[in-house]
Amino acid sequence: MNALTSAQPHHPTAHNPLLPRDMGQAMQLAEMMSKAKLLPQAVQNPADAFLIINQAMRWGMDPFAVAQEVSVIQGKLMMSGKVVAAALQSSGVLDGRLHYDYAGDGDARQVTVRGTLRGETQPREVVVKLRDARTQNKV
């Protein structure tokens, strides 16, 4: 599938050689990750790297791939939509894949995301317009 997830849905505790097995290994990995200059600045201290490792472990994902998709916005750790979609897709909660439709131009541009939860017959839908998603954050 991609670097974030395996091709098959799996439980977050499934064996993944990149995930630490205990607190000591997680702390060692956080120390190493914090020294990686190719990771975002938000990861370049062990405590914040540990937060990302913790989330990656819960999702059963590669901590380095998750770290590439984080940022800090107004003091909070934020994940890209891409990594959240991958986590949802690989969780096994969906029956099938997420579907995306795009429409409109400029500020009226919108994306519609549909997915059907296991055990349900009708997809759930989220529609987001660009003008509603804009923030005052500095780049």
N, C-alpha and C. Protein backbone atom coordinates (compact mmCIF):
# COMPACT_ATOMS: atom_id res chain seq x y z
N MET A 1 0.84 -1.18 0.00
CA MET A 1 0.00 0.00 0.00
C MET A 1 0.88 1.24 0.00
N ASN A 2 1.54 1.57 1.11
CA ASN A 2 2.48 2.69 1.17
C ASN A 2 3.34 2.56 2.42
N ALA A 3 4.18 3.53 2.65
CA ALA A 3 5.10 3.47 3.79
C ALA A 3 4.38 3.59 5.13
N LEU A 4 3.18 4.14 5.11
CA LEU A 4 2.46 4.34 6.37
C LEU A 4 1.83 3.07 6.89
N THR A 5 1.27 2.28 5.99
CA THR A 5 0.52 1.11 6.43
C THR A 5 0.87 -0.08 5.57
N SER A 6 0.55 -1.26 6.06
CA SER A 6 0.72 -2.45 5.25
C SER A 6 -0.50 -2.62 4.36
N ALA A 7 -0.45 -3.57 3.45
CA ALA A 7 -1.55 -3.78 2.51
C ALA A 7 -2.79 -4.32 3.21
N GLN A 8 -2.61 -5.01 4.31
CA GLN A 8 -3.74 -5.63 5.01
C GLN A 8 -4.07 -4.84 6.27
N PRO A 9 -5.37 -4.66 6.57
CA PRO A 9 -5.72 -4.05 7.85
C PRO A 9 -5.15 -4.90 8.98
N HIS A 10 -4.71 -4.27 10.03
CA HIS A 10 -4.13 -5.01 11.13
C HIS A 10 -4.42 -4.32 12.45
N HIS A 11 -4.27 -5.08 13.47
CA HIS A 11 -4.45 -4.53 14.81
C HIS A 11 -3.19 -3.78 15.19
N PRO A 12 -3.31 -2.63 15.89
CA PRO A 12 -2.15 -1.84 16.24
C PRO A 12 -1.07 -2.59 16.99
N THR A 13 -1.41 -3.68 17.68
CA THR A 13 -0.40 -4.42 18.41
C THR A 13 0.23 -5.51 17.57
N ALA A 14 -0.15 -5.63 16.30
CA ALA A 14 0.45 -6.63 15.42
C ALA A 14 1.95 -6.37 15.32
N HIS A 15 2.73 -7.42 15.09
CA HIS A 15 4.18 -7.28 15.02
C HIS A 15 4.60 -6.38 13.86
N ASN A 16 5.35 -5.38 14.19
CA ASN A 16 5.94 -4.47 13.21
C ASN A 16 7.34 -4.18 13.73
N PRO A 17 8.37 -4.57 12.99
CA PRO A 17 9.73 -4.42 13.51
C PRO A 17 10.15 -2.97 13.77
N LEU A 18 9.43 -2.00 13.20
CA LEU A 18 9.78 -0.60 13.43
C LEU A 18 9.16 -0.04 14.70
N LEU A 19 8.21 -0.77 15.30
CA LEU A 19 7.55 -0.28 16.51
C LEU A 19 8.26 -0.81 17.75
N PRO A 20 8.49 0.07 18.73
CA PRO A 20 9.11 -0.39 19.98
C PRO A 20 8.19 -1.36 20.72
N ARG A 21 8.80 -2.23 21.50
CA ARG A 21 8.03 -3.24 22.24
C ARG A 21 7.78 -2.86 23.69
N ASP A 22 8.51 -1.85 24.18
CA ASP A 22 8.32 -1.44 25.56
C ASP A 22 8.72 0.03 25.71
N MET A 23 8.53 0.56 26.91
CA MET A 23 8.80 1.97 27.17
C MET A 23 10.26 2.33 26.92
N GLY A 24 11.17 1.45 27.33
CA GLY A 24 12.60 1.70 27.13
C GLY A 24 12.95 1.84 25.66
N GLN A 25 12.43 0.94 24.83
CA GLN A 25 12.68 1.01 23.39
C GLN A 25 12.05 2.28 22.80
N ALA A 26 10.87 2.65 23.28
CA ALA A 26 10.21 3.86 22.78
C ALA A 26 11.03 5.09 23.13
N MET A 27 11.59 5.12 24.33
CA MET A 27 12.41 6.27 24.73
C MET A 27 13.70 6.33 23.91
N GLN A 28 14.31 5.18 23.63
CA GLN A 28 15.52 5.14 22.80
C GLN A 28 15.20 5.63 21.38
N LEU A 29 14.08 5.17 20.85
CA LEU A 29 13.68 5.58 19.51
C LEU A 29 13.40 7.09 19.47
N ALA A 30 12.74 7.61 20.50
CA ALA A 30 12.45 9.04 20.57
C ALA A 30 13.75 9.85 20.58
N GLU A 31 14.73 9.38 21.32
CA GLU A 31 16.02 10.07 21.36
C GLU A 31 16.66 10.07 19.97
N MET A 32 16.63 8.95 19.29
CA MET A 32 17.21 8.86 17.96
C MET A 32 16.43 9.73 16.97
N MET A 33 15.10 9.66 17.01
CA MET A 33 14.29 10.45 16.09
C MET A 33 14.54 11.94 16.28
N SER A 34 14.73 12.36 17.51
CA SER A 34 14.90 13.79 17.79
C SER A 34 16.19 14.34 17.16
N LYS A 35 17.11 13.48 16.80
CA LYS A 35 18.37 13.90 16.19
C LYS A 35 18.31 13.88 14.66
N ALA A 36 17.22 13.38 14.09
CA ALA A 36 17.09 13.27 12.64
C ALA A 36 16.79 14.63 12.03
N LYS A 37 17.70 15.16 11.30
CA LYS A 37 17.52 16.49 10.70
C LYS A 37 16.54 16.48 9.53
N LEU A 38 16.22 15.33 8.99
CA LEU A 38 15.28 15.25 7.87
C LEU A 38 13.82 15.16 8.32
N LEU A 39 13.61 15.05 9.62
CA LEU A 39 12.24 15.05 10.15
C LEU A 39 11.85 16.49 10.49
N PRO A 40 10.56 16.76 10.53
CA PRO A 40 10.11 18.13 10.86
C PRO A 40 10.64 18.61 12.20
N GLN A 41 10.77 19.91 12.34
CA GLN A 41 11.28 20.51 13.57
C GLN A 41 10.46 20.08 14.79
N ALA A 42 9.18 19.82 14.60
CA ALA A 42 8.30 19.41 15.71
C ALA A 42 8.76 18.11 16.36
N VAL A 43 9.59 17.34 15.68
CA VAL A 43 10.04 16.04 16.19
C VAL A 43 11.42 16.14 16.81
N GLN A 44 12.06 17.29 16.73
CA GLN A 44 13.46 17.37 17.08
C GLN A 44 13.73 17.61 18.56
N ASN A 45 12.85 17.08 19.40
CA ASN A 45 13.18 16.93 20.82
C ASN A 45 12.55 15.62 21.27
N PRO A 46 13.19 14.89 22.19
CA PRO A 46 12.74 13.54 22.54
C PRO A 46 11.31 13.46 23.06
N ALA A 47 10.87 14.44 23.84
CA ALA A 47 9.51 14.37 24.40
C ALA A 47 8.45 14.43 23.30
N ASP A 48 8.64 15.33 22.34
CA ASP A 48 7.67 15.43 21.25
C ASP A 48 7.77 14.22 20.32
N ALA A 49 8.99 13.74 20.08
CA ALA A 49 9.17 12.53 19.28
C ALA A 49 8.44 11.36 19.94
N PHE A 50 8.50 11.30 21.27
CA PHE A 50 7.81 10.22 22.00
C PHE A 50 6.30 10.27 21.76
N LEU A 51 5.72 11.48 21.72
CA LEU A 51 4.28 11.61 21.44
C LEU A 51 3.94 11.02 20.07
N ILE A 52 4.78 11.29 19.10
CA ILE A 52 4.53 10.78 17.75
C ILE A 52 4.69 9.26 17.71
N ILE A 53 5.70 8.75 18.39
CA ILE A 53 5.88 7.30 18.46
C ILE A 53 4.67 6.65 19.11
N ASN A 54 4.17 7.23 20.18
CA ASN A 54 2.99 6.71 20.86
C ASN A 54 1.81 6.62 19.90
N GLN A 55 1.58 7.69 19.14
CA GLN A 55 0.46 7.68 18.19
C GLN A 55 0.69 6.64 17.10
N ALA A 56 1.90 6.56 16.59
CA ALA A 56 2.22 5.58 15.55
C ALA A 56 1.98 4.16 16.07
N MET A 57 2.33 3.91 17.33
CA MET A 57 2.11 2.59 17.92
C MET A 57 0.63 2.27 17.99
N ARG A 58 -0.18 3.24 18.40
CA ARG A 58 -1.62 3.00 18.48
C ARG A 58 -2.22 2.71 17.12
N TRP A 59 -1.67 3.35 16.09
CA TRP A 59 -2.16 3.13 14.72
C TRP A 59 -1.49 1.94 14.04
N GLY A 60 -0.43 1.40 14.64
CA GLY A 60 0.29 0.30 14.02
C GLY A 60 1.07 0.74 12.79
N MET A 61 1.59 1.97 12.82
CA MET A 61 2.28 2.54 11.67
C MET A 61 3.75 2.80 11.96
N ASP A 62 4.50 2.99 10.91
CA ASP A 62 5.91 3.35 10.97
C ASP A 62 6.05 4.73 11.62
N PRO A 63 6.73 4.84 12.76
CA PRO A 63 6.85 6.13 13.44
C PRO A 63 7.53 7.20 12.59
N PHE A 64 8.48 6.81 11.75
CA PHE A 64 9.17 7.79 10.91
C PHE A 64 8.25 8.33 9.83
N ALA A 65 7.41 7.47 9.27
CA ALA A 65 6.45 7.93 8.25
C ALA A 65 5.41 8.85 8.89
N VAL A 66 4.95 8.51 10.09
CA VAL A 66 3.99 9.38 10.78
C VAL A 66 4.65 10.72 11.10
N ALA A 67 5.90 10.69 11.55
CA ALA A 67 6.61 11.93 11.90
C ALA A 67 6.71 12.88 10.71
N GLN A 68 6.79 12.35 9.50
CA GLN A 68 6.86 13.20 8.30
C GLN A 68 5.55 13.95 8.06
N GLU A 69 4.48 13.53 8.72
CA GLU A 69 3.15 14.09 8.47
C GLU A 69 2.62 14.91 9.64
N VAL A 70 3.50 15.40 10.51
CA VAL A 70 3.05 16.19 11.67
C VAL A 70 3.49 17.64 11.56
N SER A 71 2.76 18.46 12.25
CA SER A 71 3.14 19.86 12.41
C SER A 71 2.58 20.33 13.74
N VAL A 72 3.04 21.47 14.18
CA VAL A 72 2.53 22.06 15.41
C VAL A 72 1.78 23.33 15.01
N ILE A 73 0.50 23.37 15.38
CA ILE A 73 -0.33 24.52 15.07
C ILE A 73 -0.92 25.02 16.39
N GLN A 74 -0.60 26.24 16.72
CA GLN A 74 -1.03 26.88 17.96
C GLN A 74 -0.75 25.98 19.17
N GLY A 75 0.46 25.41 19.19
CA GLY A 75 0.90 24.61 20.32
C GLY A 75 0.36 23.20 20.39
N LYS A 76 -0.35 22.76 19.35
CA LYS A 76 -0.91 21.41 19.35
C LYS A 76 -0.34 20.61 18.19
N LEU A 77 -0.07 19.34 18.47
CA LEU A 77 0.42 18.44 17.45
C LEU A 77 -0.72 18.10 16.48
N MET A 78 -0.50 18.33 15.21
CA MET A 78 -1.52 18.06 14.20
C MET A 78 -0.98 17.06 13.19
N MET A 79 -1.85 16.17 12.75
CA MET A 79 -1.50 15.18 11.75
C MET A 79 -2.12 15.58 10.42
N SER A 80 -1.43 15.29 9.34
CA SER A 80 -1.97 15.59 8.02
C SER A 80 -3.20 14.71 7.76
N GLY A 81 -4.06 15.19 6.90
CA GLY A 81 -5.22 14.39 6.50
C GLY A 81 -4.82 13.07 5.89
N LYS A 82 -3.67 13.07 5.20
CA LYS A 82 -3.18 11.86 4.55
C LYS A 82 -2.91 10.75 5.57
N VAL A 83 -2.25 11.09 6.69
CA VAL A 83 -1.92 10.08 7.69
C VAL A 83 -3.17 9.65 8.46
N VAL A 84 -4.09 10.57 8.71
CA VAL A 84 -5.34 10.21 9.39
C VAL A 84 -6.17 9.28 8.51
N ALA A 85 -6.23 9.57 7.21
CA ALA A 85 -6.97 8.70 6.28
C ALA A 85 -6.32 7.32 6.23
N ALA A 86 -4.99 7.26 6.23
CA ALA A 86 -4.30 5.97 6.22
C ALA A 86 -4.59 5.18 7.49
N ALA A 87 -4.62 5.87 8.64
CA ALA A 87 -4.93 5.20 9.90
C ALA A 87 -6.34 4.65 9.88
N LEU A 88 -7.28 5.44 9.41
CA LEU A 88 -8.67 5.00 9.32
C LEU A 88 -8.80 3.83 8.35
N GLN A 89 -8.15 3.95 7.20
CA GLN A 89 -8.25 2.91 6.19
C GLN A 89 -7.67 1.59 6.69
N SER A 90 -6.57 1.64 7.41
CA SER A 90 -5.91 0.41 7.85
C SER A 90 -6.49 -0.14 9.15
N SER A 91 -7.40 0.58 9.79
CA SER A 91 -7.92 0.17 11.10
C SER A 91 -8.86 -1.02 11.03
N GLY A 92 -9.44 -1.26 9.86
CA GLY A 92 -10.42 -2.35 9.74
C GLY A 92 -11.83 -1.91 10.05
N VAL A 93 -12.04 -0.64 10.40
CA VAL A 93 -13.37 -0.16 10.74
C VAL A 93 -14.23 0.08 9.50
N LEU A 94 -13.58 0.23 8.34
CA LEU A 94 -14.32 0.51 7.11
C LEU A 94 -14.59 -0.75 6.31
N ASP A 95 -15.70 -0.75 5.65
CA ASP A 95 -16.03 -1.80 4.69
C ASP A 95 -15.66 -1.25 3.31
N GLY A 96 -14.48 -1.57 2.84
CA GLY A 96 -14.00 -1.00 1.58
C GLY A 96 -13.10 0.19 1.84
N ARG A 97 -12.95 1.00 0.83
CA ARG A 97 -12.03 2.12 0.88
C ARG A 97 -12.76 3.46 0.98
N LEU A 98 -12.03 4.49 1.35
CA LEU A 98 -12.58 5.84 1.31
C LEU A 98 -12.66 6.29 -0.15
N HIS A 99 -13.67 7.08 -0.46
CA HIS A 99 -13.84 7.62 -1.81
C HIS A 99 -13.87 9.14 -1.73
N TYR A 100 -13.22 9.77 -2.71
CA TYR A 100 -13.09 11.23 -2.73
C TYR A 100 -13.67 11.79 -4.03
N ASP A 101 -14.43 12.86 -3.91
CA ASP A 101 -14.94 13.60 -5.06
C ASP A 101 -14.60 15.07 -4.85
N TYR A 102 -14.18 15.73 -5.93
CA TYR A 102 -13.81 17.14 -5.86
C TYR A 102 -14.71 17.93 -6.78
N ALA A 103 -15.05 19.15 -6.37
CA ALA A 103 -15.91 20.01 -7.18
C ALA A 103 -15.59 21.47 -6.88
N GLY A 104 -15.93 22.34 -7.81
CA GLY A 104 -15.79 23.78 -7.60
C GLY A 104 -14.40 24.31 -7.86
N ASP A 105 -14.29 25.64 -7.78
CA ASP A 105 -13.03 26.34 -8.02
C ASP A 105 -12.81 27.38 -6.94
N GLY A 106 -11.56 27.79 -6.79
CA GLY A 106 -11.22 28.84 -5.83
C GLY A 106 -11.67 28.50 -4.42
N ASP A 107 -12.18 29.51 -3.71
CA ASP A 107 -12.64 29.28 -2.33
C ASP A 107 -13.84 28.35 -2.26
N ALA A 108 -14.56 28.17 -3.37
CA ALA A 108 -15.71 27.27 -3.38
C ALA A 108 -15.30 25.82 -3.65
N ARG A 109 -14.00 25.59 -3.89
CA ARG A 109 -13.53 24.22 -4.12
C ARG A 109 -13.87 23.39 -2.90
N GLN A 110 -14.34 22.16 -3.14
CA GLN A 110 -14.71 21.30 -2.02
C GLN A 110 -14.30 19.86 -2.30
N VAL A 111 -14.14 19.13 -1.22
CA VAL A 111 -13.89 17.70 -1.30
C VAL A 111 -14.98 17.00 -0.50
N THR A 112 -15.49 15.92 -1.06
CA THR A 112 -16.46 15.06 -0.39
C THR A 112 -15.78 13.72 -0.16
N VAL A 113 -15.75 13.27 1.08
CA VAL A 113 -15.15 11.99 1.42
C VAL A 113 -16.27 11.08 1.92
N ARG A 114 -16.32 9.87 1.33
CA ARG A 114 -17.33 8.89 1.72
C ARG A 114 -16.68 7.59 2.14
N GLY A 115 -17.25 6.98 3.16
CA GLY A 115 -16.78 5.68 3.62
C GLY A 115 -17.91 4.97 4.33
N THR A 116 -17.94 3.66 4.18
CA THR A 116 -18.98 2.85 4.82
C THR A 116 -18.35 2.08 5.98
N LEU A 117 -18.92 2.26 7.15
CA LEU A 117 -18.44 1.52 8.32
C LEU A 117 -18.88 0.06 8.22
N ARG A 118 -18.05 -0.83 8.74
CA ARG A 118 -18.43 -2.26 8.76
C ARG A 118 -19.77 -2.41 9.48
N GLY A 119 -20.63 -3.22 8.91
CA GLY A 119 -21.93 -3.47 9.51
C GLY A 119 -23.00 -2.48 9.06
N GLU A 120 -22.62 -1.45 8.32
CA GLU A 120 -23.58 -0.49 7.82
C GLU A 120 -23.71 -0.65 6.31
N THR A 121 -24.83 -0.22 5.78
CA THR A 121 -25.04 -0.35 4.33
C THR A 121 -24.90 0.97 3.59
N GLN A 122 -25.09 2.07 4.30
CA GLN A 122 -25.01 3.38 3.67
C GLN A 122 -23.70 4.07 4.05
N PRO A 123 -23.02 4.69 3.08
CA PRO A 123 -21.78 5.40 3.41
C PRO A 123 -22.06 6.66 4.23
N ARG A 124 -21.10 7.00 5.05
CA ARG A 124 -21.12 8.27 5.75
C ARG A 124 -20.34 9.25 4.89
N GLU A 125 -20.65 10.53 5.03
CA GLU A 125 -20.08 11.52 4.12
C GLU A 125 -19.67 12.77 4.87
N VAL A 126 -18.53 13.32 4.47
CA VAL A 126 -18.05 14.59 5.01
C VAL A 126 -17.73 15.48 3.82
N VAL A 127 -18.22 16.72 3.85
CA VAL A 127 -17.95 17.69 2.79
C VAL A 127 -17.24 18.88 3.42
N VAL A 128 -16.10 19.26 2.84
CA VAL A 128 -15.33 20.40 3.34
C VAL A 128 -15.03 21.33 2.17
N LYS A 129 -15.37 22.61 2.36
CA LYS A 129 -15.05 23.63 1.36
C LYS A 129 -13.75 24.32 1.76
N LEU A 130 -12.97 24.69 0.77
CA LEU A 130 -11.69 25.35 1.03
C LEU A 130 -11.87 26.59 1.89
N ARG A 131 -12.87 27.40 1.62
CA ARG A 131 -13.06 28.63 2.40
C ARG A 131 -13.34 28.33 3.87
N ASP A 132 -13.91 27.17 4.17
CA ASP A 132 -14.20 26.81 5.56
C ASP A 132 -12.98 26.19 6.26
N ALA A 133 -12.00 25.78 5.46
CA ALA A 133 -10.82 25.10 6.03
C ALA A 133 -9.65 26.05 6.21
N ARG A 134 -9.74 27.25 5.68
CA ARG A 134 -8.63 28.21 5.80
C ARG A 134 -8.43 28.63 7.25
N THR A 135 -7.18 28.84 7.60
CA THR A 135 -6.85 29.30 8.95
C THR A 135 -5.99 30.55 8.86
N GLN A 136 -5.71 31.13 9.98
CA GLN A 136 -4.82 32.29 10.07
C GLN A 136 -3.41 31.88 10.42
N ASN A 137 -3.13 30.57 10.38
CA ASN A 137 -1.81 30.08 10.75
C ASN A 137 -0.75 30.60 9.79
N LYS A 138 0.42 30.86 10.34
CA LYS A 138 1.56 31.24 9.52
C LYS A 138 2.23 30.00 9.00
N VAL A 139 2.71 30.07 7.80
CA VAL A 139 3.38 28.91 7.19
C VAL A 139 4.81 28.84 7.61
